[in-house]
Amino acid sequence: MKISVFYEHIEKACEQTKKPLREVLAYVKACGIDGVEMDYDELGHDELAHDSQDILKNLHDEGLVISSIYGFCHLDIDPEEQKCLDVIDQAAKNGCSRVLIVPGFFSEADAKIFGECADDWEKTAAFMQSNQVVQNIMAGLRRAVAHAKEKNVIVTLEDFDSTLSPCSRINALKWFMEQVPGLCWTLDAGNFAYSSENILDAYEVLHTYTAHVHCKDRGTENPTSNGITGTYNKGLRPVSAGDGYIPLDSILSYLKRDGYEGWLAVEQFGLENQYDGIVRSAEYLMKGEFNTWR
């Protein structure tokens, strides 16, 4: 088991504490974190080449590697979009074996239909088969997976927390995994709460596809949240791992039981104190029985 953290959290910690980047990177490494989750748009554009080299040098000097690169793509509109392949190429170039593709979004009208059938497997499958956005994404992902195989990179989807996301629900993710051989899952522990689906149910259905893990927890809030209210959405407040109501202990024990040996990524966008929050999450992931997993 290896721990990583989103690079944006490091940047936010610098902003919040006024500490220099190199000092925060050293602090992150001292917390037991070995990698960073990197946004392709921050690392991959030609016009940012100079900044990209600075980022890579800073990470290297502190003994940190890139655990995964994620990219927002537009396969919903263009299944042959070049950016999707560029994300994969950037990962291969930097010795990173995982990418997370956010492949596009529904219109409001399509999202409404999707939401009405999302709890039923047969209705979901019929909708996915007939919807042009989904078909474009499926074609684009098949192309991406084939390209990634040549680069020794794994393409993943996550349970993205938006009602407009075609991969936000358990049945939809299962459908994509079945339709795109070689596609894998980035398990985001906190995102199923947005749609009020049970992460433990999701794990039972999808665990064989797991290639990467985001250890996102959620705290309660009043009013409940801006997601889909229900039994499993008790709030979406950003908290450090272990400080909320998401059953991370169970998920981590299942991952250990099932032989997962990849990264556990600290994700806590919106946290008010990233500097202290990063170490709290790292300490939680290294405590008790999970400490022997390293």
Protein backbone atom coordinates (compact mmCIF):
# COMPACT_ATOMS: atom_id res chain seq x y z
CA MET A 1 0.00 0.00 0.00
CA LYS A 2 1.30 3.43 -1.01
CA ILE A 3 -0.20 6.81 -0.13
CA SER A 4 -0.54 9.78 -2.47
CA VAL A 5 -2.26 13.15 -2.31
CA PHE A 6 -3.76 15.48 -4.89
CA TYR A 7 -1.22 18.08 -5.99
CA GLU A 8 -3.93 20.75 -5.74
CA HIS A 9 -4.12 20.07 -1.99
CA ILE A 10 -0.42 20.79 -1.71
CA GLU A 11 -0.84 24.04 -3.62
CA LYS A 12 -3.80 24.99 -1.43
CA ALA A 13 -1.76 24.22 1.69
CA CYS A 14 0.90 26.63 0.42
CA GLU A 15 -1.73 29.30 -0.18
CA GLN A 16 -3.38 28.81 3.21
CA THR A 17 -0.18 28.72 5.27
CA LYS A 18 2.02 31.02 3.16
CA LYS A 19 4.70 28.33 3.31
CA PRO A 20 6.93 27.79 0.24
CA LEU A 21 6.17 24.84 -2.01
CA ARG A 22 9.40 22.99 -1.33
CA GLU A 23 8.77 23.15 2.42
CA VAL A 24 5.25 21.74 2.02
CA LEU A 25 6.49 19.01 -0.33
CA ALA A 26 9.07 17.98 2.25
CA TYR A 27 6.37 17.97 4.91
CA VAL A 28 4.14 15.78 2.73
CA LYS A 29 6.97 13.30 2.20
CA ALA A 30 7.68 13.25 5.94
CA CYS A 31 4.02 12.36 6.54
CA GLY A 32 4.59 9.05 4.76
CA ILE A 33 3.20 10.14 1.41
CA ASP A 34 5.11 9.00 -1.67
CA GLY A 35 3.07 10.25 -4.63
CA VAL A 36 0.80 12.93 -6.04
CA GLU A 37 -2.37 12.85 -8.12
CA MET A 38 -1.81 15.25 -11.02
CA ASP A 39 -4.22 17.17 -13.21
CA TYR A 40 -3.23 16.80 -16.86
CA ASP A 41 -4.20 20.41 -17.54
CA GLU A 42 -1.60 21.54 -15.03
CA LEU A 43 1.13 19.24 -16.28
CA GLY A 44 0.47 18.48 -19.90
CA HIS A 45 0.03 21.58 -22.03
CA ASP A 46 2.85 22.77 -24.26
CA GLU A 47 2.45 26.36 -23.09
CA LEU A 48 3.03 25.14 -19.53
CA ALA A 49 6.15 23.18 -20.42
CA HIS A 50 8.40 25.34 -18.27
CA ASP A 51 6.07 25.07 -15.26
CA SER A 52 5.72 21.36 -15.91
CA GLN A 53 9.47 20.87 -15.67
CA ASP A 54 9.51 22.84 -12.42
CA ILE A 55 6.78 20.63 -10.98
CA LEU A 56 8.55 17.43 -11.99
CA LYS A 57 11.90 18.63 -10.63
CA ASN A 58 10.36 19.65 -7.31
CA LEU A 59 8.63 16.30 -6.95
CA HIS A 60 11.79 14.39 -7.88
CA ASP A 61 13.95 16.37 -5.46
CA GLU A 62 11.59 15.48 -2.59
CA GLY A 63 11.33 11.80 -3.57
CA LEU A 64 7.73 12.02 -4.79
CA VAL A 65 6.32 10.37 -7.91
CA ILE A 66 3.12 10.83 -9.90
CA SER A 67 0.64 8.18 -8.79
CA SER A 68 -2.06 8.99 -11.36
CA ILE A 69 -2.84 11.63 -13.95
CA TYR A 70 -6.44 12.67 -14.48
CA GLY A 71 -7.94 14.58 -17.36
CA PHE A 72 -11.30 16.09 -18.23
CA CYS A 73 -12.04 15.06 -21.79
CA HIS A 74 -14.89 15.57 -24.27
CA LEU A 75 -15.55 12.09 -25.55
CA ASP A 76 -19.26 12.83 -25.24
CA ILE A 77 -18.85 15.18 -28.22
CA ASP A 78 -15.83 13.68 -30.00
CA PRO A 79 -14.98 10.00 -29.43
CA GLU A 80 -11.68 10.57 -31.28
CA GLU A 81 -10.59 13.54 -29.20
CA GLN A 82 -6.80 13.71 -29.12
CA LYS A 83 -6.61 14.97 -25.53
CA CYS A 84 -7.70 11.59 -24.20
CA LEU A 85 -4.66 9.97 -25.82
CA ASP A 86 -2.43 12.84 -24.71
CA VAL A 87 -3.31 12.16 -21.06
CA ILE A 88 -2.15 8.58 -21.55
CA ASP A 89 1.04 9.66 -23.30
CA GLN A 90 1.82 12.10 -20.49
CA ALA A 91 1.43 9.31 -17.94
CA ALA A 92 3.71 6.97 -19.88
CA LYS A 93 6.30 9.73 -20.27
CA ASN A 94 6.39 10.24 -16.51
CA GLY A 95 6.45 6.59 -15.47
CA CYS A 96 2.86 6.66 -14.26
CA SER A 97 0.78 3.52 -14.84
CA ARG A 98 -2.70 4.91 -14.12
CA VAL A 99 -4.87 7.56 -15.72
CA LEU A 100 -8.35 8.68 -14.76
CA ILE A 101 -10.52 9.96 -17.59
CA VAL A 102 -13.53 12.15 -16.86
CA PRO A 103 -15.12 11.44 -20.24
CA GLY A 104 -17.86 14.04 -20.59
CA PHE A 105 -21.34 14.90 -19.40
CA PHE A 106 -25.02 14.57 -20.19
CA SER A 107 -27.33 17.41 -21.06
CA GLU A 108 -29.86 18.22 -18.33
CA ALA A 109 -32.55 16.39 -20.31
CA ASP A 110 -30.50 13.20 -20.71
CA ALA A 111 -29.38 13.37 -17.09
CA LYS A 112 -33.00 13.38 -15.95
CA ILE A 113 -33.76 10.22 -17.94
CA PHE A 114 -30.56 8.60 -16.72
CA GLY A 115 -31.39 9.40 -13.11
CA GLU A 116 -34.86 7.91 -13.41
CA CYS A 117 -33.49 4.54 -14.52
CA ALA A 118 -30.13 4.45 -12.71
CA ASP A 119 -31.26 2.10 -9.93
CA ASP A 120 -32.45 -0.59 -12.36
CA TRP A 121 -29.82 -2.60 -14.25
CA GLU A 122 -31.96 -3.51 -17.27
CA LYS A 123 -33.31 0.02 -17.68
CA THR A 124 -29.83 1.49 -17.29
CA ALA A 125 -28.38 -0.88 -19.89
CA ALA A 126 -31.16 -0.07 -22.36
CA PHE A 127 -30.66 3.67 -21.86
CA MET A 128 -26.88 3.45 -22.19
CA GLN A 129 -27.22 1.45 -25.39
CA SER A 130 -29.56 4.00 -26.95
CA ASN A 131 -27.96 7.26 -25.81
CA GLN A 132 -25.57 8.93 -28.27
CA VAL A 133 -23.45 10.61 -25.59
CA VAL A 134 -22.83 7.25 -23.93
CA GLN A 135 -22.09 5.58 -27.25
CA ASN A 136 -19.54 8.27 -28.09
CA ILE A 137 -17.88 7.85 -24.70
CA MET A 138 -17.81 4.08 -25.08
CA ALA A 139 -16.14 4.36 -28.50
CA GLY A 140 -13.61 6.87 -27.18
CA LEU A 141 -12.77 4.72 -24.18
CA ARG A 142 -12.23 1.66 -26.35
CA ARG A 143 -9.79 3.67 -28.44
CA ALA A 144 -8.08 5.00 -25.30
CA VAL A 145 -7.73 1.56 -23.70
CA ALA A 146 -6.16 0.17 -26.88
CA HIS A 147 -3.70 3.06 -27.00
CA ALA A 148 -2.92 2.75 -23.29
CA LYS A 149 -2.19 -0.96 -23.60
CA GLU A 150 0.67 -0.13 -25.97
CA LYS A 151 2.05 2.27 -23.34
CA ASN A 152 1.61 -0.06 -20.32
CA VAL A 153 -0.91 2.35 -18.84
CA ILE A 154 -4.32 1.50 -17.34
CA VAL A 155 -7.34 3.67 -18.13
CA THR A 156 -9.87 4.15 -15.34
CA LEU A 157 -13.23 5.76 -14.70
CA GLU A 158 -14.42 6.90 -11.29
CA ASP A 159 -17.84 7.36 -9.76
CA PHE A 160 -17.78 11.08 -10.61
CA ASP A 161 -20.00 13.12 -8.29
CA SER A 162 -22.36 14.94 -10.62
CA THR A 163 -25.91 14.24 -11.76
CA LEU A 164 -24.68 15.06 -15.28
CA SER A 165 -22.00 12.35 -15.22
CA PRO A 166 -22.71 9.17 -17.22
CA CYS A 167 -20.44 7.22 -14.83
CA SER A 168 -21.81 8.45 -11.51
CA ARG A 169 -23.87 5.39 -10.60
CA ILE A 170 -23.13 1.74 -9.83
CA ASN A 171 -25.07 0.25 -12.77
CA ALA A 172 -23.62 2.74 -15.24
CA LEU A 173 -20.06 1.97 -14.17
CA LYS A 174 -20.75 -1.75 -14.43
CA TRP A 175 -22.09 -1.19 -17.96
CA PHE A 176 -18.96 0.71 -19.05
CA MET A 177 -16.66 -1.94 -17.55
CA GLU A 178 -18.49 -4.69 -19.43
CA GLN A 179 -18.59 -2.80 -22.72
CA VAL A 180 -14.94 -1.66 -22.71
CA PRO A 181 -12.63 -4.63 -22.06
CA GLY A 182 -9.54 -3.53 -20.16
CA LEU A 183 -11.20 -0.48 -18.63
CA CYS A 184 -10.75 -0.27 -14.85
CA TRP A 185 -12.24 1.53 -11.87
CA THR A 186 -10.83 4.24 -9.67
CA LEU A 187 -12.77 3.64 -6.47
CA ASP A 188 -13.73 7.00 -5.00
CA ALA A 189 -14.98 6.12 -1.55
CA GLY A 190 -16.94 9.34 -1.04
CA ASN A 191 -18.59 9.93 -4.37
CA PHE A 192 -21.40 7.38 -4.24
CA ALA A 193 -22.76 9.38 -1.28
CA TYR A 194 -23.50 12.20 -3.72
CA SER A 195 -26.03 9.95 -5.47
CA SER A 196 -27.07 8.29 -2.19
CA GLU A 197 -25.74 4.92 -3.23
CA ASN A 198 -23.98 2.56 -0.81
CA ILE A 199 -20.22 2.37 -1.39
CA LEU A 200 -20.23 -1.15 0.07
CA ASP A 201 -22.80 -2.24 -2.54
CA ALA A 202 -20.66 -0.60 -5.22
CA TYR A 203 -17.58 -2.44 -4.04
CA GLU A 204 -19.38 -5.78 -4.21
CA VAL A 205 -20.37 -5.12 -7.84
CA LEU A 206 -17.19 -3.42 -9.08
CA HIS A 207 -14.27 -4.56 -6.93
CA THR A 208 -12.77 -6.86 -9.57
CA TYR A 209 -12.16 -3.78 -11.75
CA THR A 210 -10.34 -1.78 -9.02
CA ALA A 211 -7.05 -0.26 -10.19
CA HIS A 212 -6.79 2.89 -8.06
CA VAL A 213 -8.40 4.32 -4.91
CA HIS A 214 -9.38 7.82 -3.78
CA CYS A 215 -9.80 7.88 0.00
CA LYS A 216 -12.44 10.59 0.18
CA ASP A 217 -14.51 10.91 3.33
CA ARG A 218 -17.63 13.04 3.87
CA GLY A 219 -18.96 14.95 6.85
CA THR A 220 -22.55 15.74 7.69
CA GLU A 221 -23.96 19.18 7.14
CA ASN A 222 -27.27 21.02 7.47
CA PRO A 223 -28.99 21.23 5.03
CA THR A 224 -27.98 17.74 3.96
CA SER A 225 -26.17 18.53 0.70
CA ASN A 226 -26.54 19.60 -2.90
CA GLY A 227 -26.46 16.00 -4.09
CA ILE A 228 -29.27 13.45 -4.25
CA THR A 229 -30.74 13.16 -0.77
CA GLY A 230 -31.38 9.73 0.68
CA THR A 231 -30.18 7.04 3.06
CA TYR A 232 -26.51 7.14 2.04
CA ASN A 233 -26.12 10.88 1.56
CA LYS A 234 -25.72 12.31 5.05
CA GLY A 235 -23.85 15.34 3.77
CA LEU A 236 -20.97 16.27 1.50
CA ARG A 237 -18.83 18.40 3.80
CA PRO A 238 -15.09 18.03 3.07
CA VAL A 239 -13.24 16.25 5.88
CA SER A 240 -9.98 14.36 6.26
CA ALA A 241 -10.00 10.59 5.83
CA GLY A 242 -11.42 8.92 8.92
CA ASP A 243 -13.20 12.05 10.16
CA GLY A 244 -16.52 11.46 8.38
CA TYR A 245 -19.24 8.87 7.97
CA ILE A 246 -17.99 7.01 4.88
CA PRO A 247 -17.10 3.40 5.92
CA LEU A 248 -13.43 3.70 4.98
CA ASP A 249 -12.40 1.09 7.55
CA SER A 250 -14.55 -1.48 5.78
CA ILE A 251 -13.39 -0.48 2.31
CA LEU A 252 -9.73 -0.61 3.32
CA SER A 253 -10.17 -4.00 4.96
CA TYR A 254 -11.88 -5.34 1.81
CA LEU A 255 -9.10 -3.99 -0.37
CA LYS A 256 -6.48 -5.64 1.83
CA ARG A 257 -8.45 -8.91 1.85
CA ASP A 258 -8.73 -8.86 -1.94
CA GLY A 259 -5.03 -8.28 -2.52
CA TYR A 260 -5.08 -4.64 -3.65
CA GLU A 261 -1.49 -3.35 -3.74
CA GLY A 262 -1.91 0.02 -5.44
CA TRP A 263 -2.15 3.62 -4.30
CA LEU A 264 -4.45 5.09 -1.68
CA ALA A 265 -4.92 8.74 -2.68
CA VAL A 266 -5.86 11.40 -0.15
CA GLU A 267 -8.67 13.50 -1.68
CA GLN A 268 -10.23 16.35 0.29
CA PHE A 269 -11.10 19.21 -2.05
CA GLY A 270 -12.59 22.16 -0.20
CA LEU A 271 -10.98 21.38 3.17
CA GLU A 272 -10.33 24.57 5.12
CA ASN A 273 -6.94 23.48 6.50
CA GLN A 274 -5.15 21.33 3.93
CA TYR A 275 -1.79 21.47 5.69
CA ASP A 276 -3.06 19.78 8.85
CA GLY A 277 -5.65 17.76 6.92
CA ILE A 278 -3.06 16.04 4.75
CA VAL A 279 -1.22 14.66 7.77
CA ARG A 280 -4.50 13.66 9.46
CA SER A 281 -5.50 11.64 6.40
CA ALA A 282 -2.06 10.07 6.09
CA GLU A 283 -2.02 9.12 9.76
CA TYR A 284 -5.45 7.52 9.42
CA LEU A 285 -4.38 5.46 6.41
CA MET A 286 -1.25 4.27 8.21
CA LYS A 287 -2.86 3.45 11.55
CA GLY A 288 -3.59 0.08 13.10
CA GLU A 289 -3.96 -2.93 10.85
CA PHE A 290 -3.44 -0.83 7.72
CA ASN A 291 0.09 0.04 8.86
CA THR A 292 1.17 -3.56 8.20
CA TRP A 293 -0.08 -3.22 4.64
CA ARG A 294 2.87 -1.04 3.61
